[in-house]
């Protein structure tokens, strides 16, 4: 899986993945959002997580913020 040309995102502190485990507070690439509503984020080509998209902040031109 190539994760180039994706949005750079940050997760809020305390964000959990779809299995209930905490994810590392660092920058990720937003790969997409699946039909069930989970956002797929990847740290690199080997480490990815499904998380609630409400816990993401997009770091792009204009820094669009999803999380409140």
PDB file of N, CA and C in Angstrom:
ATOM      1  N   UNK A   1       0.848  -1.174   0.000  1.00  0.00           N
ATOM      2  CA  UNK A   1       0.000   0.000   0.000  1.00  0.00           C
ATOM      3  C   UNK A   1       0.890   1.232   0.000  1.00  0.00           C
ATOM      4  N   UNK A   2       0.660   2.131  -0.904  1.00  0.00           N
ATOM      5  CA  UNK A   2       1.387   3.383  -0.942  1.00  0.00           C
ATOM      6  C   UNK A   2       0.551   4.461  -0.274  1.00  0.00           C
ATOM      7  N   UNK A   3       1.156   5.229   0.608  1.00  0.00           N
ATOM      8  CA  UNK A   3       0.399   6.252   1.320  1.00  0.00           C
ATOM      9  C   UNK A   3       0.842   7.656   0.925  1.00  0.00           C
ATOM     10  N   UNK A   4       1.312   7.813  -0.310  1.00  0.00           N
ATOM     11  CA  UNK A   4       1.684   9.136  -0.783  1.00  0.00           C
ATOM     12  C   UNK A   4       0.438   9.877  -1.232  1.00  0.00           C
ATOM     13  N   UNK A   5       0.519  11.184  -1.319  1.00  0.00           N
ATOM     14  CA  UNK A   5      -0.587  12.033  -1.758  1.00  0.00           C
ATOM     15  C   UNK A   5      -1.825  11.873  -0.890  1.00  0.00           C
ATOM     16  N   UNK A   6      -1.655  11.679   0.389  1.00  0.00           N
ATOM     17  CA  UNK A   6      -2.761  11.588   1.336  1.00  0.00           C
ATOM     18  C   UNK A   6      -2.663  12.775   2.286  1.00  0.00           C
ATOM     19  N   UNK A   7      -3.728  13.025   3.018  1.00  0.00           N
ATOM     20  CA  UNK A   7      -3.712  14.110   3.996  1.00  0.00           C
ATOM     21  C   UNK A   7      -2.855  13.731   5.195  1.00  0.00           C
ATOM     22  N   UNK A   8      -2.083  14.694   5.671  1.00  0.00           N
ATOM     23  CA  UNK A   8      -1.371  14.523   6.931  1.00  0.00           C
ATOM     24  C   UNK A   8      -2.339  14.887   8.043  1.00  0.00           C
ATOM     25  N   UNK A   9      -2.434  14.027   9.044  1.00  0.00           N
ATOM     26  CA  UNK A   9      -3.358  14.264  10.152  1.00  0.00           C
ATOM     27  C   UNK A   9      -2.662  14.032  11.479  1.00  0.00           C
ATOM     28  N   UNK A  10      -3.224  14.622  12.520  1.00  0.00           N
ATOM     29  CA  UNK A  10      -2.812  14.346  13.893  1.00  0.00           C
ATOM     30  C   UNK A  10      -4.015  13.783  14.621  1.00  0.00           C
ATOM     31  N   UNK A  11      -3.756  12.910  15.589  1.00  0.00           N
ATOM     32  CA  UNK A  11      -4.837  12.369  16.412  1.00  0.00           C
ATOM     33  C   UNK A  11      -4.872  13.120  17.735  1.00  0.00           C
ATOM     34  N   UNK A  12      -6.067  13.255  18.292  1.00  0.00           N
ATOM     35  CA  UNK A  12      -6.200  13.854  19.615  1.00  0.00           C
ATOM     36  C   UNK A  12      -5.606  12.914  20.651  1.00  0.00           C
ATOM     37  N   UNK A  13      -5.113  13.468  21.723  1.00  0.00           N
ATOM     38  CA  UNK A  13      -4.597  12.659  22.818  1.00  0.00           C
ATOM     39  C   UNK A  13      -5.714  11.769  23.345  1.00  0.00           C
ATOM     40  N   UNK A  14      -5.411  10.511  23.592  1.00  0.00           N
ATOM     41  CA  UNK A  14      -6.400   9.574  24.108  1.00  0.00           C
ATOM     42  C   UNK A  14      -7.227   8.874  23.046  1.00  0.00           C
ATOM     43  N   UNK A  15      -6.867   9.047  21.773  1.00  0.00           N
ATOM     44  CA  UNK A  15      -7.608   8.396  20.688  1.00  0.00           C
ATOM     45  C   UNK A  15      -7.386   6.893  20.731  1.00  0.00           C
ATOM     46  N   UNK A  16      -8.469   6.158  20.548  1.00  0.00           N
ATOM     47  CA  UNK A  16      -8.411   4.692  20.517  1.00  0.00           C
ATOM     48  C   UNK A  16      -8.756   4.195  19.121  1.00  0.00           C
ATOM     49  N   UNK A  17      -8.209   3.037  18.764  1.00  0.00           N
ATOM     50  CA  UNK A  17      -8.544   2.437  17.478  1.00  0.00           C
ATOM     51  C   UNK A  17      -9.829   1.630  17.597  1.00  0.00           C
ATOM     52  N   UNK A  18     -10.217   0.978  16.524  1.00  0.00           N
ATOM     53  CA  UNK A  18     -11.484   0.240  16.501  1.00  0.00           C
ATOM     54  C   UNK A  18     -11.496  -0.961  17.441  1.00  0.00           C
ATOM     55  N   UNK A  19     -10.337  -1.370  17.928  1.00  0.00           N
ATOM     56  CA  UNK A  19     -10.252  -2.480  18.882  1.00  0.00           C
ATOM     57  C   UNK A  19     -10.187  -1.987  20.328  1.00  0.00           C
ATOM     58  N   UNK A  20     -10.173  -0.665  20.523  1.00  0.00           N
ATOM     59  CA  UNK A  20     -10.152  -0.103  21.866  1.00  0.00           C
ATOM     60  C   UNK A  20      -8.778   0.212  22.412  1.00  0.00           C
ATOM     61  N   UNK A  21      -7.730  -0.008  21.612  1.00  0.00           N
ATOM     62  CA  UNK A  21      -6.370   0.283  22.061  1.00  0.00           C
ATOM     63  C   UNK A  21      -6.007   1.730  21.734  1.00  0.00           C
ATOM     64  N   UNK A  22      -5.221   2.357  22.624  1.00  0.00           N
ATOM     65  CA  UNK A  22      -4.754   3.711  22.361  1.00  0.00           C
ATOM     66  C   UNK A  22      -3.795   3.706  21.181  1.00  0.00           C
ATOM     67  N   UNK A  23      -3.870   4.756  20.348  1.00  0.00           N
ATOM     68  CA  UNK A  23      -2.916   4.914  19.256  1.00  0.00           C
ATOM     69  C   UNK A  23      -1.898   5.967  19.664  1.00  0.00           C
ATOM     70  N   UNK A  24      -0.709   5.857  19.124  1.00  0.00           N
ATOM     71  CA  UNK A  24       0.374   6.777  19.447  1.00  0.00           C
ATOM     72  C   UNK A  24       0.027   8.184  18.979  1.00  0.00           C
ATOM     73  N   UNK A  25       0.279   9.172  19.838  1.00  0.00           N
ATOM     74  CA  UNK A  25       0.036  10.573  19.485  1.00  0.00           C
ATOM     75  C   UNK A  25       1.172  11.059  18.595  1.00  0.00           C
ATOM     76  N   UNK A  26       0.964  10.983  17.287  1.00  0.00           N
ATOM     77  CA  UNK A  26       1.962  11.401  16.314  1.00  0.00           C
ATOM     78  C   UNK A  26       1.251  11.744  15.017  1.00  0.00           C
ATOM     79  N   UNK A  27       2.006  12.116  14.000  1.00  0.00           N
ATOM     80  CA  UNK A  27       1.416  12.413  12.695  1.00  0.00           C
ATOM     81  C   UNK A  27       1.168  11.128  11.924  1.00  0.00           C
ATOM     82  N   UNK A  28       0.071  11.105  11.175  1.00  0.00           N
ATOM     83  CA  UNK A  28      -0.317   9.965  10.351  1.00  0.00           C
ATOM     84  C   UNK A  28      -0.724  10.471   8.976  1.00  0.00           C
ATOM     85  N   UNK A  29      -0.901   9.559   8.059  1.00  0.00           N
ATOM     86  CA  UNK A  29      -1.492   9.848   6.757  1.00  0.00           C
ATOM     87  C   UNK A  29      -2.918   9.324   6.779  1.00  0.00           C
ATOM     88  N   UNK A  30      -3.874  10.142   6.363  1.00  0.00           N
ATOM     89  CA  UNK A  30      -5.261   9.702   6.246  1.00  0.00           C
ATOM     90  C   UNK A  30      -5.412   9.007   4.904  1.00  0.00           C
ATOM     91  N   UNK A  31      -5.687   7.706   4.934  1.00  0.00           N
ATOM     92  CA  UNK A  31      -5.828   6.914   3.714  1.00  0.00           C
ATOM     93  C   UNK A  31      -7.251   7.002   3.188  1.00  0.00           C
ATOM     94  N   UNK A  32      -8.228   7.001   4.087  1.00  0.00           N
ATOM     95  CA  UNK A  32      -9.621   7.089   3.672  1.00  0.00           C
ATOM     96  C   UNK A  32     -10.552   6.788   4.826  1.00  0.00           C
ATOM     97  N   UNK A  33     -11.852   6.888   4.531  1.00  0.00           N
ATOM     98  CA  UNK A  33     -12.887   6.566   5.513  1.00  0.00           C
ATOM     99  C   UNK A  33     -13.749   5.471   4.916  1.00  0.00           C
ATOM    100  N   UNK A  34     -13.906   4.361   5.654  1.00  0.00           N
ATOM    101  CA  UNK A  34     -14.651   3.221   5.109  1.00  0.00           C
ATOM    102  C   UNK A  34     -16.156   3.407   5.281  1.00  0.00           C
ATOM    103  N   UNK A  35     -16.925   2.470   4.749  1.00  0.00           N
ATOM    104  CA  UNK A  35     -18.384   2.574   4.753  1.00  0.00           C
ATOM    105  C   UNK A  35     -18.976   2.588   6.156  1.00  0.00           C
ATOM    106  N   UNK A  36     -18.300   1.973   7.107  1.00  0.00           N
ATOM    107  CA  UNK A  36     -18.818   1.950   8.480  1.00  0.00           C
ATOM    108  C   UNK A  36     -18.470   3.220   9.251  1.00  0.00           C
ATOM    109  N   UNK A  37     -17.687   4.118   8.645  1.00  0.00           N
ATOM    110  CA  UNK A  37     -17.380   5.402   9.266  1.00  0.00           C
ATOM    111  C   UNK A  37     -16.027   5.514   9.929  1.00  0.00           C
ATOM    112  N   UNK A  38     -15.238   4.438   9.947  1.00  0.00           N
ATOM    113  CA  UNK A  38     -13.904   4.487  10.542  1.00  0.00           C
ATOM    114  C   UNK A  38     -12.921   5.115   9.563  1.00  0.00           C
ATOM    115  N   UNK A  39     -12.026   5.964  10.077  1.00  0.00           N
ATOM    116  CA  UNK A  39     -10.963   6.552   9.268  1.00  0.00           C
ATOM    117  C   UNK A  39      -9.736   5.646   9.346  1.00  0.00           C
ATOM    118  N   UNK A  40      -9.167   5.311   8.189  1.00  0.00           N
ATOM    119  CA  UNK A  40      -7.932   4.530   8.148  1.00  0.00           C
ATOM    120  C   UNK A  40      -6.766   5.502   8.087  1.00  0.00           C
ATOM    121  N   UNK A  41      -5.908   5.440   9.123  1.00  0.00           N
ATOM    122  CA  UNK A  41      -4.721   6.290   9.180  1.00  0.00           C
ATOM    123  C   UNK A  41      -3.489   5.399   9.262  1.00  0.00           C
ATOM    124  N   UNK A  42      -2.404   5.848   8.632  1.00  0.00           N
ATOM    125  CA  UNK A  42      -1.169   5.060   8.629  1.00  0.00           C
ATOM    126  C   UNK A  42       0.006   5.927   9.043  1.00  0.00           C
ATOM    127  N   UNK A  43       0.853   5.358   9.910  1.00  0.00           N
ATOM    128  CA  UNK A  43       2.085   6.007  10.321  1.00  0.00           C
ATOM    129  C   UNK A  43       3.145   5.795   9.238  1.00  0.00           C
ATOM    130  N   UNK A  44       3.129   4.605   8.645  1.00  0.00           N
ATOM    131  CA  UNK A  44       4.030   4.230   7.560  1.00  0.00           C
ATOM    132  C   UNK A  44       3.354   3.084   6.807  1.00  0.00           C
ATOM    133  N   UNK A  45       4.081   2.391   5.938  1.00  0.00           N
ATOM    134  CA  UNK A  45       3.475   1.303   5.161  1.00  0.00           C
ATOM    135  C   UNK A  45       3.158   0.073   6.003  1.00  0.00           C
ATOM    136  N   UNK A  46       3.627   0.015   7.254  1.00  0.00           N
ATOM    137  CA  UNK A  46       3.412  -1.172   8.086  1.00  0.00           C
ATOM    138  C   UNK A  46       2.487  -0.935   9.277  1.00  0.00           C
ATOM    139  N   UNK A  47       2.326   0.313   9.711  1.00  0.00           N
ATOM    140  CA  UNK A  47       1.547   0.606  10.915  1.00  0.00           C
ATOM    141  C   UNK A  47       0.343   1.469  10.546  1.00  0.00           C
ATOM    142  N   UNK A  48      -0.854   0.865  10.626  1.00  0.00           N
ATOM    143  CA  UNK A  48      -2.101   1.567  10.312  1.00  0.00           C
ATOM    144  C   UNK A  48      -3.133   1.285  11.395  1.00  0.00           C
ATOM    145  N   UNK A  49      -4.090   2.202  11.536  1.00  0.00           N
ATOM    146  CA  UNK A  49      -5.150   2.064  12.533  1.00  0.00           C
ATOM    147  C   UNK A  49      -6.459   2.566  11.944  1.00  0.00           C
ATOM    148  N   UNK A  50      -7.569   1.968  12.390  1.00  0.00           N
ATOM    149  CA  UNK A  50      -8.897   2.515  12.141  1.00  0.00           C
ATOM    150  C   UNK A  50      -9.288   3.306  13.381  1.00  0.00           C
ATOM    151  N   UNK A  51      -9.652   4.579  13.193  1.00  0.00           N
ATOM    152  CA  UNK A  51     -10.025   5.443  14.310  1.00  0.00           C
ATOM    153  C   UNK A  51     -11.283   6.237  13.954  1.00  0.00           C
ATOM    154  N   UNK A  52     -11.879   6.845  14.971  1.00  0.00           N
ATOM    155  CA  UNK A  52     -13.025   7.727  14.770  1.00  0.00           C
ATOM    156  C   UNK A  52     -12.525   9.000  14.078  1.00  0.00           C
ATOM    157  N   UNK A  53     -13.076   9.364  12.924  1.00  0.00           N
ATOM    158  CA  UNK A  53     -12.595  10.562  12.231  1.00  0.00           C
ATOM    159  C   UNK A  53     -12.804  11.855  13.018  1.00  0.00           C
ATOM    160  N   UNK A  54     -13.688  11.848  14.009  1.00  0.00           N
ATOM    161  CA  UNK A  54     -13.875  13.036  14.844  1.00  0.00           C
ATOM    162  C   UNK A  54     -12.654  13.324  15.708  1.00  0.00           C
ATOM    163  N   UNK A  55     -11.730  12.377  15.831  1.00  0.00           N
ATOM    164  CA  UNK A  55     -10.522  12.552  16.634  1.00  0.00           C
ATOM    165  C   UNK A  55      -9.320  12.986  15.807  1.00  0.00           C
ATOM    166  N   UNK A  56      -9.554  13.413  14.559  1.00  0.00           N
ATOM    167  CA  UNK A  56      -8.462  13.789  13.665  1.00  0.00           C
ATOM    168  C   UNK A  56      -8.463  15.276  13.374  1.00  0.00           C
ATOM    169  N   UNK A  57      -7.260  15.810  13.207  1.00  0.00           N
ATOM    170  CA  UNK A  57      -7.068  17.164  12.715  1.00  0.00           C
ATOM    171  C   UNK A  57      -6.205  17.061  11.468  1.00  0.00           C
ATOM    172  N   UNK A  58      -6.695  17.610  10.342  1.00  0.00           N
ATOM    173  CA  UNK A  58      -5.946  17.553   9.086  1.00  0.00           C
ATOM    174  C   UNK A  58      -4.906  18.660   9.079  1.00  0.00           C
ATOM    175  N   UNK A  59      -3.673  18.293   8.775  1.00  0.00           N
ATOM    176  CA  UNK A  59      -2.573  19.248   8.681  1.00  0.00           C
ATOM    177  C   UNK A  59      -2.265  19.456   7.205  1.00  0.00           C
ATOM    178  N   UNK A  60      -2.902  20.440   6.599  1.00  0.00           N
ATOM    179  CA  UNK A  60      -2.724  20.690   5.170  1.00  0.00           C
ATOM    180  C   UNK A  60      -2.703  22.199   4.963  1.00  0.00           C
ATOM    181  N   UNK A  61      -2.613  22.625   3.714  1.00  0.00           N
ATOM    182  CA  UNK A  61      -2.703  24.052   3.416  1.00  0.00           C
ATOM    183  C   UNK A  61      -4.021  24.569   3.970  1.00  0.00           C
ATOM    184  N   UNK A  62      -3.961  25.532   4.837  1.00  0.00           N
ATOM    185  CA  UNK A  62      -5.161  26.056   5.468  1.00  0.00           C
ATOM    186  C   UNK A  62      -5.514  25.333   6.756  1.00  0.00           C
ATOM    187  N   UNK A  63      -4.849  24.205   7.052  1.00  0.00           N
ATOM    188  CA  UNK A  63      -5.060  23.440   8.285  1.00  0.00           C
ATOM    189  C   UNK A  63      -6.538  23.277   8.636  1.00  0.00           C
ATOM    190  N   UNK A  64      -7.261  22.560   7.811  1.00  0.00           N
ATOM    191  CA  UNK A  64      -8.673  22.284   8.066  1.00  0.00           C
ATOM    192  C   UNK A  64      -8.777  21.390   9.282  1.00  0.00           C
ATOM    193  N   UNK A  65      -9.610  21.766  10.249  1.00  0.00           N
ATOM    194  CA  UNK A  65      -9.736  20.991  11.480  1.00  0.00           C
ATOM    195  C   UNK A  65     -11.051  20.226  11.486  1.00  0.00           C
ATOM    196  N   UNK A  66     -10.974  18.913  11.728  1.00  0.00           N
ATOM    197  CA  UNK A  66     -12.163  18.066  11.826  1.00  0.00           C
ATOM    198  C   UNK A  66     -12.595  17.962  13.278  1.00  0.00           C
ATOM    199  N   UNK A  67     -11.658  17.782  14.176  1.00  0.00           N
ATOM    200  CA  UNK A  67     -11.973  17.594  15.600  1.00  0.00           C
ATOM    201  C   UNK A  67     -12.406  18.918  16.217  1.00  0.00           C
ATOM    202  N   UNK A  68     -13.315  18.824  17.181  1.00  0.00           N
ATOM    203  CA  UNK A  68     -13.764  20.035  17.878  1.00  0.00           C
ATOM    204  C   UNK A  68     -13.136  20.122  19.249  1.00  0.00           C
TER     205      UNK A  68
END
